[in-house]
Amino acid sequence: MAKLIYSTIATLDGYVADADGNFDWGAPDEGVHAFVNDLERPIGTYLYGRRMYEVLVAWASDDILAGDPPPIIRDYAPIWRAADKIVYSTTLQTASSPKTRIERVFDPDEVRRIKDATSSDLSVGGPGLAGQALGAGLVDECHFIVAPVVVGGGTRALPDDVRLQLELLDERSFANGMVHLHYHVTA
């Protein structure tokens, strides 16, 4: 049975984007990006909301590899491309990347079936969709990369209406001041 993992980069005060929708403060340096690549490598299926998918679909284009990108970029593109993607959207009509399907609604029972039927882990991206998965008791682990910045408001990394018990499995600090916290969701 696969695990469903919520991974995100967030501010110290718990936001994935500031009040203007910016997340430039969360750009990983090479050390953090290499670490994220290793976290993402075993993922077999990504679950995305439309906005998260529209940000990440750039990895499907060969333009991202044009010129002489850093090794971490050359490493991540095939990781992202190899995984299946399920995009939950009521407005997106077609997917613009291979191995991608669109679903109109998030169905917790279908996600449970996918988890039961595969051995490759799944990742849920985007705080709205992750909030639904957390609320449905589907998330097994969380990876939070906390950036050393406070933005005072914006899009929260975690929903207000969900209570979780977490067990710390690992932590790691990086030279740029970011900290990775890896939790198992116990209840």
C-alpha atoms as a PDB file:
ATOM      1  CA  MET A   1       0.000   0.000   0.000  1.00  0.00           C
ATOM      2  CA  ALA A   2       1.287   3.436  -0.936  1.00  0.00           C
ATOM      3  CA  LYS A   3       1.547   6.480   1.307  1.00  0.00           C
ATOM      4  CA  LEU A   4       0.036   9.866   0.521  1.00  0.00           C
ATOM      5  CA  ILE A   5       2.544  12.602   1.295  1.00  0.00           C
ATOM      6  CA  TYR A   6       1.948  16.340   1.600  1.00  0.00           C
ATOM      7  CA  SER A   7       5.100  18.330   0.836  1.00  0.00           C
ATOM      8  CA  THR A   8       5.323  22.094   0.839  1.00  0.00           C
ATOM      9  CA  ILE A   9       7.624  25.048   1.300  1.00  0.00           C
ATOM     10  CA  ALA A  10       6.116  27.480   3.797  1.00  0.00           C
ATOM     11  CA  THR A  11       7.020  30.580   5.745  1.00  0.00           C
ATOM     12  CA  LEU A  12       7.764  30.430   9.439  1.00  0.00           C
ATOM     13  CA  ASP A  13       4.260  31.810  10.053  1.00  0.00           C
ATOM     14  CA  GLY A  14       2.686  29.044   7.974  1.00  0.00           C
ATOM     15  CA  TYR A  15       1.977  30.473   4.524  1.00  0.00           C
ATOM     16  CA  VAL A  16       2.765  29.026   1.082  1.00  0.00           C
ATOM     17  CA  ALA A  17       2.128  32.382  -0.621  1.00  0.00           C
ATOM     18  CA  ASP A  18       1.931  35.922   0.718  1.00  0.00           C
ATOM     19  CA  ALA A  19      -1.173  38.135   0.567  1.00  0.00           C
ATOM     20  CA  ASP A  20      -0.333  39.086  -3.047  1.00  0.00           C
ATOM     21  CA  GLY A  21       0.094  35.446  -4.094  1.00  0.00           C
ATOM     22  CA  ASN A  22       3.886  35.651  -4.271  1.00  0.00           C
ATOM     23  CA  PHE A  23       6.080  32.759  -3.224  1.00  0.00           C
ATOM     24  CA  ASP A  24       9.437  34.028  -4.496  1.00  0.00           C
ATOM     25  CA  TRP A  25      10.730  33.912  -0.909  1.00  0.00           C
ATOM     26  CA  GLY A  26      10.478  30.092  -1.141  1.00  0.00           C
ATOM     27  CA  ALA A  27      12.808  29.562  -4.090  1.00  0.00           C
ATOM     28  CA  PRO A  28      15.107  26.724  -3.014  1.00  0.00           C
ATOM     29  CA  ASP A  29      18.850  27.012  -3.347  1.00  0.00           C
ATOM     30  CA  GLU A  30      20.783  24.120  -4.896  1.00  0.00           C
ATOM     31  CA  GLY A  31      21.056  22.223  -1.599  1.00  0.00           C
ATOM     32  CA  VAL A  32      17.332  22.418  -0.866  1.00  0.00           C
ATOM     33  CA  HIS A  33      16.420  21.676  -4.489  1.00  0.00           C
ATOM     34  CA  ALA A  34      18.637  18.557  -4.511  1.00  0.00           C
ATOM     35  CA  PHE A  35      16.993  17.445  -1.256  1.00  0.00           C
ATOM     36  CA  VAL A  36      13.515  17.978  -2.736  1.00  0.00           C
ATOM     37  CA  ASN A  37      14.550  16.017  -5.834  1.00  0.00           C
ATOM     38  CA  ASP A  38      15.396  13.076  -3.588  1.00  0.00           C
ATOM     39  CA  LEU A  39      12.056  13.405  -1.760  1.00  0.00           C
ATOM     40  CA  GLU A  40      10.174  13.416  -5.058  1.00  0.00           C
ATOM     41  CA  ARG A  41      12.115  10.605  -6.745  1.00  0.00           C
ATOM     42  CA  PRO A  42       9.952   7.714  -5.383  1.00  0.00           C
ATOM     43  CA  ILE A  43       6.615   9.453  -6.095  1.00  0.00           C
ATOM     44  CA  GLY A  44       4.509   7.549  -8.618  1.00  0.00           C
ATOM     45  CA  THR A  45       1.495   9.897  -8.728  1.00  0.00           C
ATOM     46  CA  TYR A  46       1.070  13.603  -8.081  1.00  0.00           C
ATOM     47  CA  LEU A  47      -2.325  14.937  -7.004  1.00  0.00           C
ATOM     48  CA  TYR A  48      -2.675  18.617  -7.886  1.00  0.00           C
ATOM     49  CA  GLY A  49      -5.199  21.383  -7.846  1.00  0.00           C
ATOM     50  CA  ARG A  50      -5.341  23.496 -10.990  1.00  0.00           C
ATOM     51  CA  ARG A  51      -3.129  26.337  -9.740  1.00  0.00           C
ATOM     52  CA  MET A  52      -0.374  24.013  -8.518  1.00  0.00           C
ATOM     53  CA  TYR A  53      -0.490  22.102 -11.795  1.00  0.00           C
ATOM     54  CA  GLU A  54      -0.251  25.325 -13.809  1.00  0.00           C
ATOM     55  CA  VAL A  55       2.914  26.257 -11.890  1.00  0.00           C
ATOM     56  CA  LEU A  56       4.549  22.840 -12.229  1.00  0.00           C
ATOM     57  CA  VAL A  57       3.560  21.954 -15.800  1.00  0.00           C
ATOM     58  CA  ALA A  58       6.560  24.014 -16.956  1.00  0.00           C
ATOM     59  CA  TRP A  59       8.604  20.891 -16.149  1.00  0.00           C
ATOM     60  CA  ALA A  60       6.923  19.149 -19.102  1.00  0.00           C
ATOM     61  CA  SER A  61       8.491  21.565 -21.577  1.00  0.00           C
ATOM     62  CA  ASP A  62      11.935  21.048 -23.064  1.00  0.00           C
ATOM     63  CA  ASP A  63      12.411  24.817 -22.698  1.00  0.00           C
ATOM     64  CA  ILE A  64      13.202  24.272 -19.020  1.00  0.00           C
ATOM     65  CA  LEU A  65      16.272  22.295 -20.078  1.00  0.00           C
ATOM     66  CA  ALA A  66      17.403  24.751 -22.778  1.00  0.00           C
ATOM     67  CA  GLY A  67      20.847  26.230 -22.504  1.00  0.00           C
ATOM     68  CA  ASP A  68      22.906  24.873 -19.673  1.00  0.00           C
ATOM     69  CA  PRO A  69      20.636  24.540 -16.611  1.00  0.00           C
ATOM     70  CA  PRO A  70      22.127  23.511 -13.271  1.00  0.00           C
ATOM     71  CA  PRO A  71      22.357  19.771 -12.560  1.00  0.00           C
ATOM     72  CA  ILE A  72      19.473  19.967 -10.062  1.00  0.00           C
ATOM     73  CA  ILE A  73      17.177  21.216 -12.835  1.00  0.00           C
ATOM     74  CA  ARG A  74      18.357  18.507 -15.238  1.00  0.00           C
ATOM     75  CA  ASP A  75      17.737  15.988 -12.437  1.00  0.00           C
ATOM     76  CA  TYR A  76      14.220  17.154 -11.495  1.00  0.00           C
ATOM     77  CA  ALA A  77      12.640  17.347 -14.959  1.00  0.00           C
ATOM     78  CA  PRO A  78      12.672  13.562 -15.563  1.00  0.00           C
ATOM     79  CA  ILE A  79      11.466  12.926 -11.995  1.00  0.00           C
ATOM     80  CA  TRP A  80       8.402  15.111 -12.582  1.00  0.00           C
ATOM     81  CA  ARG A  81       7.779  13.762 -16.070  1.00  0.00           C
ATOM     82  CA  ALA A  82       7.934  10.098 -14.974  1.00  0.00           C
ATOM     83  CA  ALA A  83       5.102  10.387 -12.458  1.00  0.00           C
ATOM     84  CA  ASP A  84       1.392  10.180 -13.240  1.00  0.00           C
ATOM     85  CA  LYS A  85      -0.543  13.339 -12.505  1.00  0.00           C
ATOM     86  CA  ILE A  86      -4.158  13.766 -11.457  1.00  0.00           C
ATOM     87  CA  VAL A  87      -5.373  17.361 -11.623  1.00  0.00           C
ATOM     88  CA  TYR A  88      -8.566  18.284  -9.772  1.00  0.00           C
ATOM     89  CA  SER A  89     -10.223  21.187 -11.543  1.00  0.00           C
ATOM     90  CA  THR A  90     -13.687  22.307 -12.547  1.00  0.00           C
ATOM     91  CA  THR A  91     -12.294  24.777 -15.083  1.00  0.00           C
ATOM     92  CA  LEU A  92      -9.305  23.122 -16.755  1.00  0.00           C
ATOM     93  CA  GLN A  93     -10.505  21.435 -19.934  1.00  0.00           C
ATOM     94  CA  THR A  94      -7.396  19.578 -21.075  1.00  0.00           C
ATOM     95  CA  ALA A  95      -4.054  18.615 -19.618  1.00  0.00           C
ATOM     96  CA  SER A  96      -0.967  20.105 -21.203  1.00  0.00           C
ATOM     97  CA  SER A  97       1.421  17.363 -20.116  1.00  0.00           C
ATOM     98  CA  PRO A  98       1.678  13.623 -20.743  1.00  0.00           C
ATOM     99  CA  LYS A  99       0.641  11.111 -18.074  1.00  0.00           C
ATOM    100  CA  THR A 100      -1.970  13.580 -16.793  1.00  0.00           C
ATOM    101  CA  ARG A 101      -5.687  13.253 -16.292  1.00  0.00           C
ATOM    102  CA  ILE A 102      -8.262  15.770 -15.150  1.00  0.00           C
ATOM    103  CA  GLU A 103     -10.855  14.985 -12.486  1.00  0.00           C
ATOM    104  CA  ARG A 104     -13.663  17.399 -11.700  1.00  0.00           C
ATOM    105  CA  VAL A 105     -13.961  16.613  -7.982  1.00  0.00           C
ATOM    106  CA  PHE A 106     -11.672  15.261  -5.302  1.00  0.00           C
ATOM    107  CA  ASP A 107     -13.039  11.849  -4.322  1.00  0.00           C
ATOM    108  CA  PRO A 108     -11.441  10.541  -1.102  1.00  0.00           C
ATOM    109  CA  ASP A 109     -12.660   6.991  -1.787  1.00  0.00           C
ATOM    110  CA  GLU A 110     -10.960   6.980  -5.205  1.00  0.00           C
ATOM    111  CA  VAL A 111      -7.697   8.209  -3.639  1.00  0.00           C
ATOM    112  CA  ARG A 112      -7.950   5.401  -1.057  1.00  0.00           C
ATOM    113  CA  ARG A 113      -8.374   2.909  -3.923  1.00  0.00           C
ATOM    114  CA  ILE A 114      -5.304   4.325  -5.687  1.00  0.00           C
ATOM    115  CA  LYS A 115      -3.273   4.094  -2.456  1.00  0.00           C
ATOM    116  CA  ASP A 116      -4.367   0.480  -1.969  1.00  0.00           C
ATOM    117  CA  ALA A 117      -3.645  -0.511  -5.566  1.00  0.00           C
ATOM    118  CA  THR A 118      -0.109   0.824  -5.948  1.00  0.00           C
ATOM    119  CA  SER A 119       3.223   0.456  -4.232  1.00  0.00           C
ATOM    120  CA  SER A 120       4.572   3.840  -5.387  1.00  0.00           C
ATOM    121  CA  ASP A 121       3.833   6.730  -3.067  1.00  0.00           C
ATOM    122  CA  LEU A 122       1.518   9.588  -3.965  1.00  0.00           C
ATOM    123  CA  SER A 123       2.083  13.266  -3.307  1.00  0.00           C
ATOM    124  CA  VAL A 124      -0.590  15.901  -2.835  1.00  0.00           C
ATOM    125  CA  GLY A 125       0.415  19.406  -3.898  1.00  0.00           C
ATOM    126  CA  GLY A 126      -1.266  22.673  -3.077  1.00  0.00           C
ATOM    127  CA  PRO A 127      -2.756  23.677   0.257  1.00  0.00           C
ATOM    128  CA  GLY A 128      -6.407  23.549  -0.825  1.00  0.00           C
ATOM    129  CA  LEU A 129      -6.243  20.016  -2.125  1.00  0.00           C
ATOM    130  CA  ALA A 130      -3.951  18.964   0.724  1.00  0.00           C
ATOM    131  CA  GLY A 131      -6.509  20.388   3.154  1.00  0.00           C
ATOM    132  CA  GLN A 132      -9.187  18.161   1.646  1.00  0.00           C
ATOM    133  CA  ALA A 133      -6.887  15.131   1.832  1.00  0.00           C
ATOM    134  CA  LEU A 134      -5.913  15.935   5.423  1.00  0.00           C
ATOM    135  CA  GLY A 135      -9.554  16.422   6.376  1.00  0.00           C
ATOM    136  CA  ALA A 136     -10.428  13.039   4.842  1.00  0.00           C
ATOM    137  CA  GLY A 137      -7.667  11.317   6.850  1.00  0.00           C
ATOM    138  CA  LEU A 138      -5.747  10.330   3.704  1.00  0.00           C
ATOM    139  CA  VAL A 139      -2.362  11.944   4.370  1.00  0.00           C
ATOM    140  CA  ASP A 140       0.223   9.637   5.920  1.00  0.00           C
ATOM    141  CA  GLU A 141       3.239  11.940   6.043  1.00  0.00           C
ATOM    142  CA  CYS A 142       4.043  15.647   5.787  1.00  0.00           C
ATOM    143  CA  HIS A 143       7.258  17.257   4.624  1.00  0.00           C
ATOM    144  CA  PHE A 144       7.440  20.936   5.542  1.00  0.00           C
ATOM    145  CA  ILE A 145      10.354  23.002   4.343  1.00  0.00           C
ATOM    146  CA  VAL A 146      10.175  26.132   6.455  1.00  0.00           C
ATOM    147  CA  ALA A 147      11.682  29.286   4.973  1.00  0.00           C
ATOM    148  CA  PRO A 148      13.226  31.856   7.317  1.00  0.00           C
ATOM    149  CA  VAL A 149      10.677  34.537   6.484  1.00  0.00           C
ATOM    150  CA  VAL A 150       7.438  35.857   7.971  1.00  0.00           C
ATOM    151  CA  VAL A 151       4.898  37.302   5.511  1.00  0.00           C
ATOM    152  CA  GLY A 152       2.013  38.080   7.884  1.00  0.00           C
ATOM    153  CA  GLY A 153      -0.776  36.645   5.757  1.00  0.00           C
ATOM    154  CA  GLY A 154      -1.688  34.935   2.532  1.00  0.00           C
ATOM    155  CA  THR A 155      -2.443  31.340   1.609  1.00  0.00           C
ATOM    156  CA  ARG A 156      -2.097  29.050   4.603  1.00  0.00           C
ATOM    157  CA  ALA A 157      -0.143  25.799   4.267  1.00  0.00           C
ATOM    158  CA  LEU A 158      -2.584  23.982   6.545  1.00  0.00           C
ATOM    159  CA  PRO A 159      -6.363  24.245   6.841  1.00  0.00           C
ATOM    160  CA  ASP A 160      -7.998  25.868   9.852  1.00  0.00           C
ATOM    161  CA  ASP A 161     -10.577  23.141  10.394  1.00  0.00           C
ATOM    162  CA  VAL A 162      -8.375  20.056  10.696  1.00  0.00           C
ATOM    163  CA  ARG A 163      -6.694  18.783  13.843  1.00  0.00           C
ATOM    164  CA  LEU A 164      -3.713  16.432  13.446  1.00  0.00           C
ATOM    165  CA  GLN A 165      -1.395  14.565  15.744  1.00  0.00           C
ATOM    166  CA  LEU A 166       2.083  14.368  14.246  1.00  0.00           C
ATOM    167  CA  GLU A 167       5.169  12.349  15.077  1.00  0.00           C
ATOM    168  CA  LEU A 168       8.479  13.945  14.089  1.00  0.00           C
ATOM    169  CA  LEU A 169      10.459  11.479  11.972  1.00  0.00           C
ATOM    170  CA  ASP A 170      13.317  13.673  10.800  1.00  0.00           C
ATOM    171  CA  GLU A 171      14.606  17.213  10.660  1.00  0.00           C
ATOM    172  CA  ARG A 172      17.340  18.891   8.694  1.00  0.00           C
ATOM    173  CA  SER A 173      18.624  22.429   8.422  1.00  0.00           C
ATOM    174  CA  PHE A 174      20.153  23.950   5.308  1.00  0.00           C
ATOM    175  CA  ALA A 175      22.809  26.601   4.750  1.00  0.00           C
ATOM    176  CA  ASN A 176      20.204  29.081   3.429  1.00  0.00           C
ATOM    177  CA  GLY A 177      18.311  28.964   6.747  1.00  0.00           C
ATOM    178  CA  MET A 178      15.516  26.680   5.564  1.00  0.00           C
ATOM    179  CA  VAL A 179      14.556  23.757   7.801  1.00  0.00           C
ATOM    180  CA  HIS A 180      12.961  20.477   6.725  1.00  0.00           C
ATOM    181  CA  LEU A 181      10.512  18.828   9.120  1.00  0.00           C
ATOM    182  CA  HIS A 182       9.269  15.325   8.289  1.00  0.00           C
ATOM    183  CA  TYR A 183       6.198  14.108  10.173  1.00  0.00           C
ATOM    184  CA  HIS A 184       4.105  10.959  10.292  1.00  0.00           C
ATOM    185  CA  VAL A 185       0.395  11.704  10.719  1.00  0.00           C
ATOM    186  CA  THR A 186      -0.686   9.585  13.693  1.00  0.00           C
ATOM    187  CA  ALA A 187      -4.285  10.800  14.057  1.00  0.00           C
END
